[in-house]
Amino acid sequence: MISELTELEDLRTLARIFAEIWGRPGEPPVDSDVLMALVLSGNYVAGADVDGRLVGGLIGWLGGPPSDHLHLHSHILGIAAGSQVRGLGFELKQHQRTWCLERGVKAIEWTFDPLVRRNAYFNLNKLGAEARSYLVNFYGEMADGINAGEESDRILIEWRLDSPKAAAAAAGRPLEPSADDLQHRQVDALLSIGAGGEPVRGTSTDGVVMCQVPDDIVALRRSDPLLARAWRIAVRDAMKPAFDAGYRITGVTRTGWYILERG
């Protein structure tokens, strides 16, 4: 069951869950004091309960910029290891979507690491969100257990909650692009995975372009930090100029290819 959290003990539990997920024992990404302040000020703090136990949650707050309209900034979604009920992340986001629409808020924004393939697929396909811009080292060098030592490039997401794409995704009809769908069009690979797992840079034209990312960047950071760093720079060098030139991500394939088109 997903519901808004208001009790201090629940907020403390959620803060501990976040600390465990991000490998920051004793130093949660958001502590219970801040969570209580968000609740008091009418912002979004929700938890997921499985068999009477809080296993995760999602938080956000209302804001204006960088958009020109009121939106919710969605900051953290986390589900405890071993408790990842299938579809729970999707249900949390849909609860957040409903909460916003009931209050006349038509957009949610958040950031994600473009190297994390599963998050890209979830955000852009499963939810029907859109990529707004590429942010270089947005949070500075990271110190948590997942991203330690990494620069924090992020893609800024906008989820237009009443758009046909978001509504279709909510109804279980998400966009499912395939690389095969582009065979009849002029497509160039800005970046692809080489035989040894290394990033291989390509060239681009004015048509549709694609950019591939590794299968599991989190595991790669542990096994080969230098290669993971090479991927960070390669994706930055491919995507940032494309965004600056007017390209936007229109989908992500299951095999880790971002599809970028102008407009």
Protein backbone atom coordinates (compact mmCIF):
# COMPACT_ATOMS: atom_id res chain seq x y z
CA MET A 1 0.00 0.00 0.00
CA ILE A 2 1.24 3.49 -0.84
CA SER A 3 0.23 6.46 1.28
CA GLU A 4 1.44 9.84 2.45
CA LEU A 5 3.60 9.73 5.58
CA THR A 6 3.01 12.17 8.45
CA GLU A 7 4.20 10.41 11.62
CA LEU A 8 7.73 11.08 12.89
CA GLU A 9 8.59 7.41 13.40
CA ASP A 10 7.61 6.62 9.81
CA LEU A 11 9.75 9.50 8.58
CA ARG A 12 12.70 8.26 10.65
CA THR A 13 12.28 4.80 9.17
CA LEU A 14 12.19 6.21 5.66
CA ALA A 15 15.35 8.25 6.32
CA ARG A 16 17.10 5.05 7.52
CA ILE A 17 15.97 3.19 4.39
CA PHE A 18 17.38 5.92 2.18
CA ALA A 19 20.67 5.86 4.14
CA GLU A 20 20.98 2.09 3.61
CA ILE A 21 20.18 2.28 -0.10
CA TRP A 22 22.73 5.01 -0.78
CA GLY A 23 25.39 3.51 1.47
CA ARG A 24 25.41 6.41 3.93
CA PRO A 25 24.84 4.91 7.40
CA GLY A 26 24.19 7.66 9.93
CA GLU A 27 24.05 10.28 7.17
CA PRO A 28 20.87 9.83 5.13
CA PRO A 29 20.46 11.78 1.88
CA VAL A 30 17.45 13.44 3.53
CA ASP A 31 17.02 13.24 7.31
CA SER A 32 13.76 13.01 9.24
CA ASP A 33 13.87 16.68 10.28
CA VAL A 34 13.75 17.77 6.65
CA LEU A 35 11.08 15.19 5.86
CA MET A 36 8.91 16.53 8.68
CA ALA A 37 9.40 20.09 7.40
CA LEU A 38 8.30 18.96 3.94
CA VAL A 39 5.18 17.35 5.40
CA LEU A 40 4.37 20.45 7.44
CA SER A 41 4.71 22.71 4.41
CA GLY A 42 2.31 20.63 2.30
CA ASN A 43 4.86 18.87 0.10
CA TYR A 44 4.98 15.26 -1.05
CA VAL A 45 6.31 12.51 1.23
CA ALA A 46 4.96 9.01 0.56
CA GLY A 47 5.86 5.53 1.69
CA ALA A 48 5.33 2.01 0.40
CA ASP A 49 4.10 -0.55 2.93
CA VAL A 50 4.44 -4.28 2.27
CA ASP A 51 2.94 -6.70 4.78
CA GLY A 52 2.81 -4.02 7.45
CA ARG A 53 6.41 -2.90 6.97
CA LEU A 54 7.65 0.31 5.38
CA VAL A 55 10.04 -0.70 2.58
CA GLY A 56 10.57 2.50 0.62
CA GLY A 57 9.26 5.85 -0.40
CA LEU A 58 9.31 8.89 -2.62
CA ILE A 59 9.66 12.57 -1.77
CA GLY A 60 9.32 15.88 -3.61
CA TRP A 61 8.57 19.55 -3.15
CA LEU A 62 6.84 22.27 -5.11
CA GLY A 63 8.92 24.74 -7.09
CA GLY A 64 9.04 27.19 -9.98
CA PRO A 65 12.33 27.46 -11.91
CA PRO A 66 13.87 25.91 -13.97
CA SER A 67 10.44 25.63 -15.59
CA ASP A 68 8.19 28.61 -16.20
CA HIS A 69 5.32 26.95 -14.34
CA LEU A 70 4.57 25.43 -10.96
CA HIS A 71 5.87 21.89 -10.76
CA LEU A 72 6.90 19.26 -8.25
CA HIS A 73 10.60 18.51 -7.97
CA SER A 74 10.84 14.78 -7.28
CA HIS A 75 14.04 14.24 -5.33
CA ILE A 76 14.44 10.66 -4.11
CA LEU A 77 12.75 7.35 -4.84
CA GLY A 78 14.14 4.36 -2.96
CA ILE A 79 13.08 0.80 -2.15
CA ALA A 80 14.97 -1.33 0.37
CA ALA A 81 17.04 -4.23 -0.94
CA GLY A 82 15.18 -7.52 -0.71
CA SER A 83 11.83 -5.73 -0.70
CA GLN A 84 11.61 -4.77 -4.33
CA VAL A 85 8.10 -5.92 -5.15
CA ARG A 86 7.67 -5.94 -8.90
CA GLY A 87 6.23 -2.67 -10.15
CA LEU A 88 6.51 -0.86 -6.80
CA GLY A 89 8.61 1.99 -8.21
CA PHE A 90 6.04 2.51 -10.97
CA GLU A 91 3.20 2.53 -8.44
CA LEU A 92 5.01 5.11 -6.30
CA LYS A 93 5.43 7.40 -9.32
CA GLN A 94 1.78 6.98 -10.31
CA HIS A 95 0.72 7.84 -6.75
CA GLN A 96 2.86 10.98 -7.03
CA ARG A 97 1.30 11.79 -10.41
CA THR A 98 -2.24 11.49 -8.97
CA TRP A 99 -1.28 13.62 -5.94
CA CYS A 100 -0.08 16.39 -8.26
CA LEU A 101 -3.03 16.29 -10.64
CA GLU A 102 -5.46 16.51 -7.71
CA ARG A 103 -3.72 19.77 -6.73
CA GLY A 104 -3.58 21.26 -10.21
CA VAL A 105 0.16 20.59 -10.63
CA LYS A 106 0.73 19.47 -14.22
CA ALA A 107 4.44 18.63 -14.26
CA ILE A 108 7.05 16.79 -12.22
CA GLU A 109 10.77 17.27 -12.74
CA TRP A 110 13.77 15.30 -11.50
CA THR A 111 17.29 14.36 -12.55
CA PHE A 112 18.86 10.99 -13.30
CA ASP A 113 22.27 9.67 -14.28
CA PRO A 114 22.30 9.04 -18.06
CA LEU A 115 24.68 6.11 -17.53
CA VAL A 116 22.09 4.15 -15.53
CA ARG A 117 20.30 2.31 -18.31
CA ARG A 118 17.42 0.91 -16.27
CA ASN A 119 16.50 4.37 -14.94
CA ALA A 120 16.56 5.83 -18.44
CA TYR A 121 14.18 3.16 -19.68
CA PHE A 122 11.90 3.58 -16.66
CA ASN A 123 11.74 7.39 -16.83
CA LEU A 124 11.41 7.90 -20.57
CA ASN A 125 9.48 4.81 -21.62
CA LYS A 126 7.59 3.33 -18.67
CA LEU A 127 6.50 6.73 -17.34
CA GLY A 128 6.35 8.70 -20.59
CA ALA A 129 8.56 11.55 -19.35
CA GLU A 130 10.77 13.77 -21.51
CA ALA A 131 14.42 14.82 -21.30
CA ARG A 132 14.87 18.59 -20.99
CA SER A 133 18.63 19.14 -20.77
CA TYR A 134 22.03 17.64 -19.99
CA LEU A 135 23.63 18.93 -16.76
CA VAL A 136 27.40 18.51 -16.35
CA ASN A 137 28.60 17.46 -12.86
CA PHE A 138 25.39 18.88 -11.41
CA TYR A 139 25.90 17.88 -7.76
CA GLY A 140 29.70 17.87 -7.84
CA GLU A 141 31.71 14.75 -7.03
CA MET A 142 29.56 12.17 -5.24
CA ALA A 143 30.44 10.61 -1.86
CA ASP A 144 27.72 7.99 -1.32
CA GLY A 145 28.20 4.24 -1.54
CA ILE A 146 26.74 3.96 -5.04
CA ASN A 147 28.45 6.87 -6.80
CA ALA A 148 31.58 7.50 -4.67
CA GLY A 149 34.27 9.37 -6.59
CA GLU A 150 32.06 9.90 -9.64
CA GLU A 151 31.18 13.21 -11.23
CA SER A 152 27.44 13.75 -11.24
CA ASP A 153 26.31 14.39 -14.80
CA ARG A 154 22.52 14.31 -14.92
CA ILE A 155 19.67 14.56 -17.39
CA LEU A 156 16.83 16.83 -16.30
CA ILE A 157 13.49 15.12 -16.77
CA GLU A 158 10.10 16.76 -17.25
CA TRP A 159 7.03 14.58 -16.79
CA ARG A 160 4.01 16.32 -18.29
CA LEU A 161 1.36 14.59 -16.24
CA ASP A 162 -1.64 15.24 -18.49
CA SER A 163 0.16 14.52 -21.77
CA PRO A 164 -1.10 11.68 -23.99
CA LYS A 165 2.23 9.87 -23.53
CA ALA A 166 2.05 10.00 -19.71
CA ALA A 167 -1.62 8.99 -19.71
CA ALA A 168 -0.94 6.03 -22.01
CA ALA A 169 1.98 4.92 -19.83
CA ALA A 170 -0.17 5.16 -16.70
CA ALA A 171 -2.76 2.94 -18.40
CA GLY A 172 -0.11 0.30 -19.14
CA ARG A 173 0.56 1.28 -22.76
CA PRO A 174 4.09 2.76 -22.59
CA LEU A 175 6.21 3.75 -25.55
CA GLU A 176 8.44 0.82 -26.47
CA PRO A 177 10.91 2.00 -29.12
CA SER A 178 13.12 -0.52 -30.83
CA ALA A 179 16.31 -0.02 -32.80
CA ASP A 180 14.61 -2.02 -35.56
CA ASP A 181 12.02 0.75 -35.88
CA LEU A 182 14.73 3.09 -37.18
CA GLN A 183 16.09 0.85 -39.93
CA HIS A 184 14.22 2.74 -42.64
CA ARG A 185 15.64 6.10 -41.50
CA GLN A 186 19.06 7.74 -41.63
CA VAL A 187 20.53 6.90 -38.22
CA ASP A 188 24.06 7.45 -36.93
CA ALA A 189 25.62 6.10 -33.74
CA LEU A 190 27.20 8.85 -31.65
CA LEU A 191 28.46 6.26 -29.19
CA SER A 192 28.41 2.47 -28.95
CA ILE A 193 29.86 -0.34 -26.86
CA GLY A 194 33.09 -1.82 -28.22
CA ALA A 195 34.19 -5.45 -28.17
CA GLY A 196 35.97 -4.92 -24.86
CA GLY A 197 33.17 -2.95 -23.27
CA GLU A 198 34.81 0.37 -24.08
CA PRO A 199 32.98 3.41 -25.49
CA VAL A 200 33.41 3.78 -29.25
CA ARG A 201 32.72 7.23 -30.63
CA GLY A 202 30.98 7.67 -33.97
CA THR A 203 29.94 10.53 -36.19
CA SER A 204 26.65 12.31 -36.64
CA THR A 205 24.56 13.95 -39.33
CA ASP A 206 21.47 16.14 -39.13
CA GLY A 207 19.22 13.10 -38.88
CA VAL A 208 18.31 10.75 -36.05
CA VAL A 209 21.25 9.75 -33.84
CA MET A 210 21.71 7.08 -31.20
CA CYS A 211 23.90 6.77 -28.12
CA GLN A 212 24.48 3.49 -26.29
CA VAL A 213 25.37 3.12 -22.59
CA PRO A 214 26.70 0.10 -20.64
CA ASP A 215 24.44 -2.57 -19.23
CA ASP A 216 25.33 -1.96 -15.55
CA ILE A 217 27.39 1.13 -14.78
CA VAL A 218 27.11 0.58 -11.01
CA ALA A 219 28.84 -2.81 -11.29
CA LEU A 220 31.37 -1.34 -13.72
CA ARG A 221 32.33 1.37 -11.21
CA ARG A 222 33.31 -1.38 -8.78
CA SER A 223 35.09 -3.67 -11.24
CA ASP A 224 36.82 -1.11 -13.49
CA PRO A 225 36.64 2.50 -12.24
CA LEU A 226 38.83 3.78 -15.09
CA LEU A 227 36.51 2.32 -17.73
CA ALA A 228 33.49 3.70 -15.87
CA ARG A 229 35.16 7.13 -15.91
CA ALA A 230 35.82 6.78 -19.65
CA TRP A 231 32.10 6.14 -20.16
CA ARG A 232 31.19 9.25 -18.15
CA ILE A 233 33.35 11.45 -20.38
CA ALA A 234 32.28 9.74 -23.60
CA VAL A 235 28.54 10.09 -22.86
CA ARG A 236 29.06 13.72 -21.84
CA ASP A 237 31.00 14.47 -25.03
CA ALA A 238 28.29 12.82 -27.15
CA MET A 239 25.11 14.02 -25.47
CA LYS A 240 25.86 17.54 -24.27
CA PRO A 241 26.67 18.90 -27.77
CA ALA A 242 23.62 17.08 -29.16
CA PHE A 243 21.32 18.73 -26.61
CA ASP A 244 22.97 22.09 -27.28
CA ALA A 245 22.34 21.60 -31.02
CA GLY A 246 18.61 21.09 -30.47
CA TYR A 247 18.40 17.31 -30.19
CA ARG A 248 16.09 15.71 -27.64
CA ILE A 249 15.83 12.13 -26.43
CA THR A 250 12.68 10.57 -27.83
CA GLY A 251 13.11 7.10 -26.37
CA VAL A 252 15.43 4.41 -25.04
CA THR A 253 15.62 0.82 -26.30
CA ARG A 254 15.88 -2.16 -23.99
CA THR A 255 19.45 -2.68 -25.24
CA GLY A 256 20.57 0.70 -23.93
CA TRP A 257 20.34 2.89 -27.01
CA TYR A 258 19.15 6.46 -26.52
CA ILE A 259 17.32 7.75 -29.59
CA LEU A 260 17.81 11.48 -30.20
CA GLU A 261 15.96 13.61 -32.72
CA ARG A 262 15.80 17.32 -33.41
CA GLY A 263 12.95 19.38 -32.08
